[in-house]
């Protein structure tokens, strides 16, 4: 074959390849966006009156937001649309609205959000522990308090796991200048030893247990034993029986700057002036971090 013929064939192959690539990107950008259910917790007792849970602020800010996953050249390879849901910080009230939203929306991705005061960055949480501890917070009725210190499911798996692309989320956030780290399962809390991740006066023990009679070791994990952990554990149990195929997980965000700042007008300010200040992050950076995380979730779900 002549050089001219070879050149023609080469040009045709290039044009054909470019055309196929263009069709693929067009198909990805024109296909219905993946459905993302973003669940944010509302006010809880650790937040001063008049302030808002960071999780709620982020979820409301991103409601109806389109998430675009792009390739290295900036071309859209997958997309998703966020529907936000705010749930109460109560043991009985937190998960039923999530079940209802899953059955109504039929999401492809479900992500829970909660605030972890003291966290040094945004933390995607891969693991949930089979334990619930703490008193919930009903803002409409402060006298309606449900305190728990027990397994979520008697005889249930000590740990259950989310299905999000955790490594990719953490990598993407840090590349974008957003401090992030991946949560992890920690060793069981040993009997008689209240050490562990938790910041309670003592780590939880089985009903009837105490410092002198701690009973069996209790599972420990960075999502804690409060309602954030409760959300992830319940998502992991519900997904297989829901009839809806969705990826799921949970993300902790730190407190915001203004909530970590000491108040100089406090009469006791001078006695607190040397006290430790918890790590914090500006809200705009937290919102961006969740967007970046969801982009990785969309990319993984779409197989890109």
Protein backbone atom coordinates (compact mmCIF):
# COMPACT_ATOMS: atom_id res chain seq x y z
CA UNK A 1 0.00 0.00 0.00
CA UNK A 2 1.21 3.47 -0.85
CA UNK A 3 2.21 6.01 1.77
CA UNK A 4 -0.77 8.09 0.71
CA UNK A 5 -3.13 5.17 1.32
CA UNK A 6 -1.62 4.49 4.74
CA UNK A 7 -1.97 8.17 5.64
CA UNK A 8 -5.64 8.17 4.62
CA UNK A 9 -6.38 5.10 6.69
CA UNK A 10 -4.55 6.61 9.67
CA UNK A 11 -6.55 9.82 9.40
CA UNK A 12 -9.80 7.87 9.16
CA UNK A 13 -8.92 5.83 12.24
CA UNK A 14 -8.12 8.97 14.22
CA UNK A 15 -11.39 10.61 13.15
CA UNK A 16 -13.30 7.44 14.02
CA UNK A 17 -11.66 7.20 17.46
CA UNK A 18 -12.30 10.86 18.23
CA UNK A 19 -15.92 10.46 17.15
CA UNK A 20 -16.43 7.46 19.43
CA UNK A 21 -14.83 9.32 22.32
CA UNK A 22 -17.04 12.33 21.70
CA UNK A 23 -20.12 10.12 21.60
CA UNK A 24 -19.11 8.51 24.88
CA UNK A 25 -18.69 11.85 26.62
CA UNK A 26 -21.93 13.14 25.11
CA UNK A 27 -23.73 10.03 26.34
CA UNK A 28 -22.31 10.45 29.85
CA UNK A 29 -23.25 14.13 30.01
CA UNK A 30 -26.74 13.58 28.58
CA UNK A 31 -27.67 10.47 30.60
CA UNK A 32 -29.89 11.03 33.67
CA UNK A 33 -27.80 12.09 36.65
CA UNK A 34 -27.27 9.66 39.47
CA UNK A 35 -29.50 10.35 42.46
CA UNK A 36 -27.69 11.29 45.68
CA UNK A 37 -29.48 11.36 49.04
CA UNK A 38 -27.50 13.58 51.43
CA UNK A 39 -28.68 13.12 55.03
CA UNK A 40 -27.66 15.80 57.53
CA UNK A 41 -28.31 15.73 61.25
CA UNK A 42 -30.02 18.74 62.80
CA UNK A 43 -29.53 20.50 66.13
CA UNK A 44 -28.29 18.47 69.08
CA UNK A 45 -27.62 19.21 72.72
CA UNK A 46 -23.90 19.82 72.22
CA UNK A 47 -24.65 22.87 70.08
CA UNK A 48 -25.53 26.14 71.85
CA UNK A 49 -29.02 27.48 71.33
CA UNK A 50 -29.30 29.58 68.20
CA UNK A 51 -26.51 27.73 66.42
CA UNK A 52 -26.89 25.17 63.65
CA UNK A 53 -25.35 21.76 63.18
CA UNK A 54 -22.68 21.96 60.47
CA UNK A 55 -24.18 18.84 58.93
CA UNK A 56 -27.51 20.60 58.47
CA UNK A 57 -25.89 23.73 57.02
CA UNK A 58 -23.89 21.70 54.49
CA UNK A 59 -26.83 19.51 53.48
CA UNK A 60 -29.13 22.50 52.96
CA UNK A 61 -26.42 24.35 50.99
CA UNK A 62 -26.01 21.43 48.59
CA UNK A 63 -29.69 20.57 48.06
CA UNK A 64 -30.43 20.24 44.32
CA UNK A 65 -26.73 20.73 43.54
CA UNK A 66 -25.38 18.97 40.45
CA UNK A 67 -22.15 17.05 41.07
CA UNK A 68 -19.96 16.69 37.99
CA UNK A 69 -17.22 14.07 37.88
CA UNK A 70 -14.56 15.08 35.36
CA UNK A 71 -11.59 13.38 33.77
CA UNK A 72 -8.04 14.74 33.69
CA UNK A 73 -8.96 16.98 30.75
CA UNK A 74 -11.93 18.48 32.54
CA UNK A 75 -14.57 16.61 30.56
CA UNK A 76 -17.67 15.40 32.40
CA UNK A 77 -17.70 11.61 32.66
CA UNK A 78 -20.54 11.23 35.18
CA UNK A 79 -22.94 13.40 37.10
CA UNK A 80 -25.26 13.27 40.08
CA UNK A 81 -27.96 15.42 41.64
CA UNK A 82 -28.26 15.91 45.40
CA UNK A 83 -31.49 15.68 47.34
CA UNK A 84 -30.93 16.75 50.95
CA UNK A 85 -32.74 15.44 54.01
CA UNK A 86 -32.44 16.80 57.56
CA UNK A 87 -33.16 14.33 60.35
CA UNK A 88 -33.52 14.81 64.11
CA UNK A 89 -30.81 13.75 66.54
CA UNK A 90 -33.04 11.19 68.25
CA UNK A 91 -32.73 7.44 68.50
CA UNK A 92 -36.30 6.80 67.40
CA UNK A 93 -36.62 9.61 64.87
CA UNK A 94 -33.34 9.57 62.93
CA UNK A 95 -33.68 6.57 60.63
CA UNK A 96 -37.40 6.29 59.64
CA UNK A 97 -37.20 9.45 57.45
CA UNK A 98 -34.18 7.93 55.70
CA UNK A 99 -36.10 4.74 54.92
CA UNK A 100 -38.98 6.81 53.55
CA UNK A 101 -36.62 8.92 51.41
CA UNK A 102 -34.85 5.85 50.03
CA UNK A 103 -38.11 4.24 49.02
CA UNK A 104 -39.36 7.47 47.46
CA UNK A 105 -36.20 8.68 45.71
CA UNK A 106 -34.61 5.31 44.83
CA UNK A 107 -31.15 6.86 45.20
CA UNK A 108 -27.92 5.52 43.75
CA UNK A 109 -25.86 6.96 46.61
CA UNK A 110 -26.77 7.68 50.24
CA UNK A 111 -24.37 9.70 52.40
CA UNK A 112 -24.93 10.71 56.01
CA UNK A 113 -23.34 13.82 57.53
CA UNK A 114 -22.59 14.60 61.16
CA UNK A 115 -20.43 16.96 63.18
CA UNK A 116 -17.58 15.57 65.27
CA UNK A 117 -16.37 18.43 67.54
CA UNK A 118 -12.63 18.12 67.95
CA UNK A 119 -12.03 16.42 64.59
CA UNK A 120 -8.97 17.90 62.84
CA UNK A 121 -10.46 17.48 59.37
CA UNK A 122 -13.23 15.90 57.32
CA UNK A 123 -13.42 12.18 58.01
CA UNK A 124 -15.20 9.67 55.76
CA UNK A 125 -16.15 6.80 58.08
CA UNK A 126 -15.89 3.29 56.58
CA UNK A 127 -16.89 1.35 59.70
CA UNK A 128 -19.74 1.37 62.21
CA UNK A 129 -19.73 -0.30 65.61
CA UNK A 130 -22.58 -2.31 67.08
CA UNK A 131 -23.07 -0.06 70.08
CA UNK A 132 -25.26 2.93 70.90
CA UNK A 133 -24.55 5.26 73.78
CA UNK A 134 -25.72 8.69 74.80
CA UNK A 135 -28.83 10.77 75.38
CA UNK A 136 -30.56 12.11 72.31
CA UNK A 137 -31.76 15.68 71.78
CA UNK A 138 -35.35 16.54 70.97
CA UNK A 139 -35.32 20.32 70.37
CA UNK A 140 -39.11 20.47 70.43
CA UNK A 141 -39.32 18.82 73.85
CA UNK A 142 -36.17 18.99 76.04
CA UNK A 143 -37.83 16.72 78.60
CA UNK A 144 -38.18 13.93 76.04
CA UNK A 145 -34.79 12.31 76.47
CA UNK A 146 -33.87 8.75 75.46
CA UNK A 147 -30.58 7.57 76.96
CA UNK A 148 -28.98 4.37 75.67
CA UNK A 149 -25.99 2.23 76.54
CA UNK A 150 -26.40 -1.06 74.69
CA UNK A 151 -25.77 -2.90 71.41
CA UNK A 152 -27.73 -1.60 68.43
CA UNK A 153 -28.60 -5.20 67.61
CA UNK A 154 -28.20 -7.93 70.22
CA UNK A 155 -25.94 -10.53 68.69
CA UNK A 156 -25.32 -8.34 65.64
CA UNK A 157 -22.02 -8.05 63.81
CA UNK A 158 -19.50 -6.09 65.94
CA UNK A 159 -18.69 -3.93 62.90
CA UNK A 160 -20.50 -3.14 59.66
CA UNK A 161 -19.04 -1.29 56.68
CA UNK A 162 -20.02 1.38 54.17
CA UNK A 163 -19.42 1.04 50.44
CA UNK A 164 -18.07 4.45 49.40
CA UNK A 165 -14.67 5.01 47.70
CA UNK A 166 -13.06 6.14 50.96
CA UNK A 167 -9.43 6.26 49.86
CA UNK A 168 -10.27 8.24 46.73
CA UNK A 169 -12.40 10.69 48.74
CA UNK A 170 -9.59 11.40 51.19
CA UNK A 171 -7.00 11.71 48.43
CA UNK A 172 -9.19 14.11 46.42
CA UNK A 173 -9.91 16.33 49.41
CA UNK A 174 -6.27 16.58 50.42
CA UNK A 175 -5.29 17.35 46.83
CA UNK A 176 -7.80 20.18 46.97
CA UNK A 177 -6.25 21.61 50.13
CA UNK A 178 -8.96 20.26 52.43
CA UNK A 179 -7.65 18.42 55.52
CA UNK A 180 -9.12 14.93 55.51
CA UNK A 181 -8.45 11.50 56.99
CA UNK A 182 -10.15 8.11 56.83
CA UNK A 183 -11.84 6.74 59.93
CA UNK A 184 -10.89 3.28 61.10
CA UNK A 185 -11.94 0.49 63.40
CA UNK A 186 -10.03 0.49 66.66
CA UNK A 187 -9.39 -2.44 69.03
CA UNK A 188 -12.09 -3.47 71.44
CA UNK A 189 -12.15 -1.53 74.70
CA UNK A 190 -10.72 -3.85 77.33
CA UNK A 191 -12.68 -4.62 80.53
CA UNK A 192 -11.88 -2.18 83.30
CA UNK A 193 -10.09 0.20 80.94
CA UNK A 194 -12.14 3.26 79.96
CA UNK A 195 -9.48 4.30 77.46
CA UNK A 196 -10.28 4.56 73.79
CA UNK A 197 -11.28 7.20 71.32
CA UNK A 198 -14.29 8.39 73.31
CA UNK A 199 -14.42 11.59 75.32
CA UNK A 200 -17.07 10.50 77.78
CA UNK A 201 -16.22 10.13 81.50
CA UNK A 202 -15.88 6.43 80.78
CA UNK A 203 -16.42 4.31 77.73
CA UNK A 204 -19.69 2.37 77.57
CA UNK A 205 -20.21 -0.92 79.35
CA UNK A 206 -23.06 -3.42 79.04
CA UNK A 207 -26.27 -2.74 81.00
CA UNK A 208 -25.46 -3.25 84.66
CA UNK A 209 -21.74 -2.86 84.08
CA UNK A 210 -19.51 -0.36 85.83
CA UNK A 211 -15.88 0.55 86.35
CA UNK A 212 -15.62 -2.23 88.96
CA UNK A 213 -17.68 -4.69 86.93
CA UNK A 214 -17.23 -3.77 83.28
CA UNK A 215 -18.49 -6.98 81.76
CA UNK A 216 -17.38 -7.94 78.28
CA UNK A 217 -15.13 -5.75 76.11
CA UNK A 218 -17.03 -3.28 73.97
CA UNK A 219 -16.39 -2.47 70.31
CA UNK A 220 -14.67 0.78 69.52
CA UNK A 221 -14.59 2.74 66.29
CA UNK A 222 -13.94 6.30 65.22
CA UNK A 223 -17.57 6.99 64.25
CA UNK A 224 -18.22 6.75 67.98
CA UNK A 225 -21.29 5.23 69.60
CA UNK A 226 -23.68 8.10 69.12
CA UNK A 227 -26.17 8.75 66.33
CA UNK A 228 -23.61 9.16 63.53
CA UNK A 229 -22.44 5.61 64.11
CA UNK A 230 -26.09 4.59 64.51
CA UNK A 231 -26.90 5.98 61.05
CA UNK A 232 -24.11 4.07 59.31
CA UNK A 233 -24.86 0.81 61.10
CA UNK A 234 -28.54 1.05 60.18
CA UNK A 235 -27.77 1.94 56.55
CA UNK A 236 -25.61 -1.16 56.29
CA UNK A 237 -28.42 -3.34 57.64
CA UNK A 238 -31.15 -1.72 55.56
CA UNK A 239 -29.46 -1.62 52.16
CA UNK A 240 -29.63 -5.39 51.47
CA UNK A 241 -33.35 -5.59 52.34
CA UNK A 242 -34.45 -2.24 50.89
CA UNK A 243 -35.02 -3.40 47.33
CA UNK A 244 -32.92 -0.41 46.22
CA UNK A 245 -29.35 -0.80 44.98
CA UNK A 246 -27.38 2.10 46.46
CA UNK A 247 -23.87 2.84 47.69
CA UNK A 248 -23.80 4.27 51.20
CA UNK A 249 -21.60 5.70 53.89
CA UNK A 250 -21.09 8.42 56.46
CA UNK A 251 -18.85 11.49 56.72
CA UNK A 252 -17.88 13.45 59.82
CA UNK A 253 -17.08 17.15 59.56
CA UNK A 254 -15.33 19.26 62.25
CA UNK A 255 -16.79 22.25 64.01
CA UNK A 256 -16.72 25.65 62.30
CA UNK A 257 -14.37 28.49 63.27
CA UNK A 258 -16.98 30.69 64.93
CA UNK A 259 -18.16 27.82 67.17
CA UNK A 260 -14.61 27.06 68.31
CA UNK A 261 -13.78 30.69 69.12
CA UNK A 262 -13.75 31.78 72.77
CA UNK A 263 -15.99 34.68 73.73
CA UNK A 264 -13.99 37.52 75.33
CA UNK A 265 -17.20 38.94 76.80
CA UNK A 266 -17.62 35.79 78.88
CA UNK A 267 -17.14 36.80 82.56
CA UNK A 268 -14.94 33.73 82.99
CA UNK A 269 -12.91 34.37 79.84
CA UNK A 270 -9.63 35.09 81.65
CA UNK A 271 -9.84 31.79 83.52
CA UNK A 272 -10.25 30.02 80.18
CA UNK A 273 -7.67 31.99 78.21
CA UNK A 274 -5.11 29.18 78.26
CA UNK A 275 -7.61 26.41 77.56
CA UNK A 276 -7.19 24.25 74.48
CA UNK A 277 -9.14 25.36 71.39
CA UNK A 278 -10.66 22.57 69.36
CA UNK A 279 -9.71 22.25 65.68
CA UNK A 280 -12.15 23.90 63.29
CA UNK A 281 -12.72 24.63 59.61
CA UNK A 282 -14.48 27.39 57.68
CA UNK A 283 -17.88 26.40 56.36
CA UNK A 284 -17.04 27.10 52.70
CA UNK A 285 -14.16 24.62 52.87
CA UNK A 286 -16.35 21.97 54.49
CA UNK A 287 -18.98 22.40 51.77
CA UNK A 288 -16.29 22.09 49.10
CA UNK A 289 -14.93 18.98 50.82
CA UNK A 290 -18.31 17.27 50.70
CA UNK A 291 -18.72 18.25 47.03
CA UNK A 292 -15.32 16.75 46.21
CA UNK A 293 -16.20 13.60 48.16
CA UNK A 294 -19.50 13.21 46.33
CA UNK A 295 -17.73 13.67 43.01
CA UNK A 296 -15.63 10.61 43.84
CA UNK A 297 -18.77 8.73 44.86
CA UNK A 298 -20.41 9.58 41.54
CA UNK A 299 -17.28 8.58 39.64
CA UNK A 300 -17.09 5.22 41.43
CA UNK A 301 -20.81 4.50 41.04
CA UNK A 302 -20.65 5.25 37.32
CA UNK A 303 -17.60 3.03 36.93
CA UNK A 304 -15.37 5.85 35.74
